[in-house]
C-alpha atoms as a PDB file:
ATOM      1  CA  THR A   1    -109.114 -98.845  35.869  1.00  0.00           C
ATOM      2  CA  LYS A   2    -109.310 -97.262  32.416  1.00  0.00           C
ATOM      3  CA  ASN A   3    -109.725 -93.773  33.874  1.00  0.00           C
ATOM      4  CA  ASN A   4    -106.565 -94.130  35.970  1.00  0.00           C
ATOM      5  CA  VAL A   5    -104.614 -95.197  32.888  1.00  0.00           C
ATOM      6  CA  LYS A   6    -106.023 -92.284  30.850  1.00  0.00           C
ATOM      7  CA  MET A   7    -105.094 -89.816  33.597  1.00  0.00           C
ATOM      8  CA  ALA A   8    -101.584 -91.270  33.913  1.00  0.00           C
ATOM      9  CA  VAL A   9    -101.101 -91.181  30.128  1.00  0.00           C
ATOM     10  CA  LYS A  10    -102.233 -87.539  29.923  1.00  0.00           C
ATOM     11  CA  ALA A  11     -99.842 -86.500  32.679  1.00  0.00           C
ATOM     12  CA  LEU A  12     -96.957 -88.431  31.128  1.00  0.00           C
ATOM     13  CA  GLU A  13     -97.640 -87.056  27.621  1.00  0.00           C
ATOM     14  CA  LYS A  14     -97.596 -83.519  28.998  1.00  0.00           C
ATOM     15  CA  LYS A  15     -94.286 -84.265  30.710  1.00  0.00           C
ATOM     16  CA  ALA A  16     -92.824 -85.860  27.544  1.00  0.00           C
ATOM     17  CA  LYS A  17     -93.598 -82.772  25.422  1.00  0.00           C
ATOM     18  CA  ARG A  18     -91.553 -80.582  27.796  1.00  0.00           C
ATOM     19  CA  HIS A  19     -88.728 -83.052  28.420  1.00  0.00           C
ATOM     20  CA  PRO A  20     -85.417 -82.825  26.485  1.00  0.00           C
ATOM     21  CA  HIS A  21     -85.183 -86.662  26.364  1.00  0.00           C
ATOM     22  CA  PRO A  22     -88.772 -87.927  26.053  1.00  0.00           C
ATOM     23  CA  ALA A  23     -88.017 -91.521  24.952  1.00  0.00           C
ATOM     24  CA  PRO A  24     -88.149 -93.092  28.461  1.00  0.00           C
ATOM     25  CA  ILE A  25     -91.425 -91.278  29.167  1.00  0.00           C
ATOM     26  CA  TYR A  26     -92.967 -92.438  25.884  1.00  0.00           C
ATOM     27  CA  ASN A  27     -91.709 -95.928  26.653  1.00  0.00           C
ATOM     28  CA  HIS A  28     -93.489 -95.823  30.015  1.00  0.00           C
ATOM     29  CA  ILE A  29     -96.721 -94.801  28.284  1.00  0.00           C
ATOM     30  CA  GLY A  30     -96.269 -97.646  25.796  1.00  0.00           C
ATOM     31  CA  ARG A  31     -95.866-100.125  28.663  1.00  0.00           C
ATOM     32  CA  LEU A  32     -99.113 -98.858  30.189  1.00  0.00           C
ATOM     33  CA  TYR A  33    -100.851 -99.504  26.868  1.00  0.00           C
ATOM     34  CA  LEU A  34     -99.216-102.950  26.576  1.00  0.00           C
ATOM     35  CA  ASN A  35    -100.364-103.880  30.075  1.00  0.00           C
ATOM     36  CA  THR A  36    -103.923-102.797  29.298  1.00  0.00           C
ATOM     37  CA  ASN A  37    -103.997-104.619  25.924  1.00  0.00           C
ATOM     38  CA  ASN A  38    -104.341-101.420  23.916  1.00  0.00           C
ATOM     39  CA  GLY A  39    -102.444-102.412  20.774  1.00  0.00           C
ATOM     40  CA  ASN A  40    -103.067 -99.429  18.502  1.00  0.00           C
ATOM     41  CA  ASP A  41    -102.051 -96.849  21.103  1.00  0.00           C
ATOM     42  CA  ALA A  42     -99.081 -98.957  22.217  1.00  0.00           C
ATOM     43  CA  ILE A  43     -97.801 -99.092  18.636  1.00  0.00           C
ATOM     44  CA  LYS A  44     -98.212 -95.325  18.173  1.00  0.00           C
ATOM     45  CA  VAL A  45     -96.380 -94.494  21.391  1.00  0.00           C
ATOM     46  CA  PHE A  46     -93.567 -97.019  20.909  1.00  0.00           C
ATOM     47  CA  ARG A  47     -93.014 -95.487  17.452  1.00  0.00           C
ATOM     48  CA  LYS A  48     -92.605 -92.099  19.207  1.00  0.00           C
ATOM     49  CA  THR A  49     -90.161 -93.763  21.619  1.00  0.00           C
ATOM     50  CA  ILE A  50     -88.029 -95.034  18.733  1.00  0.00           C
ATOM     51  CA  LEU A  51     -88.192 -91.687  16.924  1.00  0.00           C
ATOM     52  CA  ALA A  52     -86.959 -89.977  20.076  1.00  0.00           C
ATOM     53  CA  ASP A  53     -84.213 -92.589  20.625  1.00  0.00           C
ATOM     54  CA  PRO A  54     -83.587 -95.091  17.803  1.00  0.00           C
ATOM     55  CA  GLU A  55     -81.109 -97.016  19.996  1.00  0.00           C
ATOM     56  CA  MET A  56     -83.494 -97.612  22.901  1.00  0.00           C
ATOM     57  CA  VAL A  57     -83.833-101.368  23.387  1.00  0.00           C
ATOM     58  CA  GLU A  58     -87.084-101.025  25.348  1.00  0.00           C
ATOM     59  CA  GLY A  59     -88.749 -99.060  22.550  1.00  0.00           C
ATOM     60  CA  HIS A  60     -88.003-101.702  19.930  1.00  0.00           C
ATOM     61  CA  LEU A  61     -88.931-104.542  22.289  1.00  0.00           C
ATOM     62  CA  GLY A  62     -92.173-102.815  23.278  1.00  0.00           C
ATOM     63  CA  LEU A  63     -93.140-102.203  19.661  1.00  0.00           C
ATOM     64  CA  GLY A  64     -92.355-105.819  18.802  1.00  0.00           C
ATOM     65  CA  LEU A  65     -94.438-107.085  21.727  1.00  0.00           C
ATOM     66  CA  ALA A  66     -97.343-104.838  20.761  1.00  0.00           C
ATOM     67  CA  TYR A  67     -97.343-106.381  17.289  1.00  0.00           C
ATOM     68  CA  MET A  68     -96.732-109.958  18.467  1.00  0.00           C
ATOM     69  CA  ASP A  69     -98.969-110.148  21.536  1.00  0.00           C
ATOM     70  CA  LEU A  70    -101.681-107.577  20.897  1.00  0.00           C
ATOM     71  CA  LYS A  71    -101.969-107.620  17.095  1.00  0.00           C
ATOM     72  CA  ASN A  72    -101.041-111.276  16.519  1.00  0.00           C
ATOM     73  CA  ASP A  73     -98.654-110.012  13.814  1.00  0.00           C
ATOM     74  CA  TRP A  74     -95.290-111.745  14.050  1.00  0.00           C
ATOM     75  CA  LYS A  75     -94.166-110.183  10.774  1.00  0.00           C
ATOM     76  CA  GLY A  76     -94.684-106.700  12.220  1.00  0.00           C
ATOM     77  CA  ALA A  77     -92.876-107.788  15.390  1.00  0.00           C
ATOM     78  CA  PHE A  78     -89.881-109.384  13.725  1.00  0.00           C
ATOM     79  CA  ASN A  79     -87.711-106.382  12.822  1.00  0.00           C
ATOM     80  CA  HIS A  80     -88.290-104.680  16.162  1.00  0.00           C
ATOM     81  CA  ILE A  81     -87.549-107.654  18.396  1.00  0.00           C
ATOM     82  CA  GLU A  82     -84.485-108.503  16.292  1.00  0.00           C
ATOM     83  CA  LYS A  83     -83.382-104.839  16.505  1.00  0.00           C
ATOM     84  CA  ALA A  84     -83.753-104.960  20.306  1.00  0.00           C
ATOM     85  CA  HIS A  85     -81.691-108.153  20.294  1.00  0.00           C
ATOM     86  CA  ASN A  86     -79.019-106.598  18.074  1.00  0.00           C
ATOM     87  CA  LEU A  87     -78.825-103.606  20.418  1.00  0.00           C
ATOM     88  CA  ASP A  88     -78.463-105.775  23.559  1.00  0.00           C
ATOM     89  CA  SER A  89     -78.249-109.554  23.318  1.00  0.00           C
ATOM     90  CA  SER A  90     -77.337-109.865  26.993  1.00  0.00           C
ATOM     91  CA  ARG A  91     -80.854-109.080  28.215  1.00  0.00           C
ATOM     92  CA  VAL A  92     -82.821-112.112  29.309  1.00  0.00           C
ATOM     93  CA  ASP A  93     -86.197-110.578  28.448  1.00  0.00           C
ATOM     94  CA  VAL A  94     -85.092-109.677  24.925  1.00  0.00           C
ATOM     95  CA  GLU A  95     -83.660-113.165  24.314  1.00  0.00           C
ATOM     96  CA  TYR A  96     -86.831-114.786  25.712  1.00  0.00           C
ATOM     97  CA  HIS A  97     -89.152-112.788  23.460  1.00  0.00           C
ATOM     98  CA  LEU A  98     -86.901-113.547  20.495  1.00  0.00           C
ATOM     99  CA  ALA A  99     -87.316-117.261  21.287  1.00  0.00           C
ATOM    100  CA  ARG A 100     -91.103-116.783  21.452  1.00  0.00           C
ATOM    101  CA  LEU A 101     -90.998-114.965  18.115  1.00  0.00           C
ATOM    102  CA  TYR A 102     -88.965-117.775  16.541  1.00  0.00           C
ATOM    103  CA  ARG A 103     -91.534-120.285  17.793  1.00  0.00           C
ATOM    104  CA  ILE A 104     -94.447-118.362  16.297  1.00  0.00           C
ATOM    105  CA  SER A 105     -92.752-117.475  13.017  1.00  0.00           C
ATOM    106  CA  GLU A 106     -90.919-120.780  12.497  1.00  0.00           C
ATOM    107  CA  ARG A 107     -88.056-118.695  11.066  1.00  0.00           C
ATOM    108  CA  SER A 108     -85.307-119.923  13.351  1.00  0.00           C
ATOM    109  CA  ASP A 109     -84.750-122.428  16.143  1.00  0.00           C
ATOM    110  CA  PRO A 110     -86.689-121.371  19.242  1.00  0.00           C
ATOM    111  CA  ARG A 111     -85.042-124.151  21.282  1.00  0.00           C
ATOM    112  CA  ARG A 112     -81.593-122.693  20.721  1.00  0.00           C
ATOM    113  CA  ALA A 113     -82.836-119.190  21.589  1.00  0.00           C
ATOM    114  CA  ALA A 114     -84.559-120.472  24.755  1.00  0.00           C
ATOM    115  CA  GLY A 115     -81.332-122.286  25.637  1.00  0.00           C
ATOM    116  CA  ARG A 116     -79.495-118.946  25.417  1.00  0.00           C
ATOM    117  CA  VAL A 117     -82.034-117.499  27.858  1.00  0.00           C
ATOM    118  CA  ILE A 118     -81.220-120.271  30.330  1.00  0.00           C
ATOM    119  CA  GLN A 119     -77.485-119.656  29.821  1.00  0.00           C
ATOM    120  CA  LEU A 120     -78.010-115.976  30.611  1.00  0.00           C
ATOM    121  CA  ASP A 121     -80.180-116.707  33.660  1.00  0.00           C
ATOM    122  CA  PRO A 122     -80.700-120.335  34.765  1.00  0.00           C
ATOM    123  CA  GLU A 123     -83.479-119.210  37.118  1.00  0.00           C
ATOM    124  CA  TYR A 124     -85.628-117.524  34.429  1.00  0.00           C
ATOM    125  CA  ALA A 125     -88.717-119.770  34.630  1.00  0.00           C
ATOM    126  CA  PRO A 126     -90.543-118.699  31.422  1.00  0.00           C
ATOM    127  CA  ALA A 127     -87.739-120.153  29.262  1.00  0.00           C
ATOM    128  CA  TYR A 128     -88.298-123.603  30.766  1.00  0.00           C
ATOM    129  CA  LEU A 129     -92.030-123.373  30.143  1.00  0.00           C
ATOM    130  CA  LEU A 130     -91.411-122.328  26.543  1.00  0.00           C
ATOM    131  CA  LEU A 131     -89.136-125.337  26.022  1.00  0.00           C
ATOM    132  CA  ALA A 132     -91.670-127.663  27.667  1.00  0.00           C
ATOM    133  CA  GLU A 133     -94.378-126.422  25.296  1.00  0.00           C
ATOM    134  CA  ILE A 134     -92.106-126.767  22.259  1.00  0.00           C
ATOM    135  CA  TYR A 135     -91.131-130.337  23.142  1.00  0.00           C
ATOM    136  CA  ASP A 136     -94.750-131.155  23.966  1.00  0.00           C
ATOM    137  CA  GLU A 137     -95.768-130.047  20.458  1.00  0.00           C
ATOM    138  CA  MET A 138     -93.038-132.307  19.086  1.00  0.00           C
ATOM    139  CA  ASN A 139     -94.468-135.210  21.152  1.00  0.00           C
ATOM    140  CA  LEU A 140     -91.124-135.723  22.890  1.00  0.00           C
ATOM    141  CA  GLU A 141     -92.148-136.913  26.334  1.00  0.00           C
ATOM    142  CA  GLU A 142     -88.852-136.948  28.252  1.00  0.00           C
ATOM    143  CA  PRO A 143     -87.720-133.387  27.467  1.00  0.00           C
ATOM    144  CA  THR A 144     -91.315-132.149  27.893  1.00  0.00           C
ATOM    145  CA  ILE A 145     -91.517-133.569  31.412  1.00  0.00           C
ATOM    146  CA  TYR A 146     -88.000-132.366  32.244  1.00  0.00           C
ATOM    147  CA  TYR A 147     -88.716-128.762  31.241  1.00  0.00           C
ATOM    148  CA  TYR A 148     -92.148-128.675  32.921  1.00  0.00           C
ATOM    149  CA  ASP A 149     -90.444-129.937  36.073  1.00  0.00           C
ATOM    150  CA  GLN A 150     -87.689-127.297  35.799  1.00  0.00           C
ATOM    151  CA  TYR A 151     -90.301-124.591  35.261  1.00  0.00           C
ATOM    152  CA  LEU A 152     -92.349-125.654  38.274  1.00  0.00           C
ATOM    153  CA  LYS A 153     -89.248-125.800  40.490  1.00  0.00           C
ATOM    154  CA  ARG A 154     -88.725-122.126  39.681  1.00  0.00           C
ATOM    155  CA  ASN A 155     -92.399-121.140  39.708  1.00  0.00           C
ATOM    156  CA  PRO A 156     -94.297-123.521  42.036  1.00  0.00           C
ATOM    157  CA  GLU A 157     -97.225-121.123  42.548  1.00  0.00           C
ATOM    158  CA  ASP A 158     -98.337-121.516  38.917  1.00  0.00           C
ATOM    159  CA  GLN A 159    -101.308-123.785  39.670  1.00  0.00           C
ATOM    160  CA  GLU A 160    -102.437-123.967  36.048  1.00  0.00           C
ATOM    161  CA  MET A 161     -99.067-125.427  35.029  1.00  0.00           C
ATOM    162  CA  VAL A 162     -99.053-127.796  38.033  1.00  0.00           C
ATOM    163  CA  TYR A 163    -102.361-129.150  36.754  1.00  0.00           C
ATOM    164  CA  GLN A 164    -101.133-129.438  33.141  1.00  0.00           C
ATOM    165  CA  PHE A 165     -97.932-131.125  34.292  1.00  0.00           C
ATOM    166  CA  ALA A 166     -99.900-133.627  36.404  1.00  0.00           C
ATOM    167  CA  ARG A 167    -102.173-134.353  33.425  1.00  0.00           C
ATOM    168  CA  ARG A 168     -99.113-134.840  31.226  1.00  0.00           C
ATOM    169  CA  LEU A 169     -97.616-137.302  33.720  1.00  0.00           C
ATOM    170  CA  ALA A 170    -100.908-139.193  33.943  1.00  0.00           C
ATOM    171  CA  GLU A 171    -100.982-139.620  30.163  1.00  0.00           C
END
């Protein structure tokens, strides 16, 4: 509930003010705000995270996600997600969100970025779904079906996608 989040944030903020390395604590607060769709507060706290530790991948990624997912602002997200990627390009989550950003911004090839996600972790289901959606938008039936199938093999409990995949096959 909102009250639980507020109480947790207050306790964490108090702890962060006393802590010699507050960046991970601020990052945790930012994640709480991300998970509760509170964009303005998430942005403020992730900025504090980055001020406390400019090299913290999670801070840059969190700030980028707040802009991209909660503010629908890919331009605001771009520098932060790219910075997270520059700091650690071996992280599957960072590479995946970079691919999403490329898809939204049309600045680079999201298929190549999603392919890098699969190279890093062949079992990371969201990358297959992203590729299926990209190929679907391009009206390329064979790769669309292939990537939906690969996604569902890794995430069979996603009933919404099972339905969409079945509809796609029926078409």
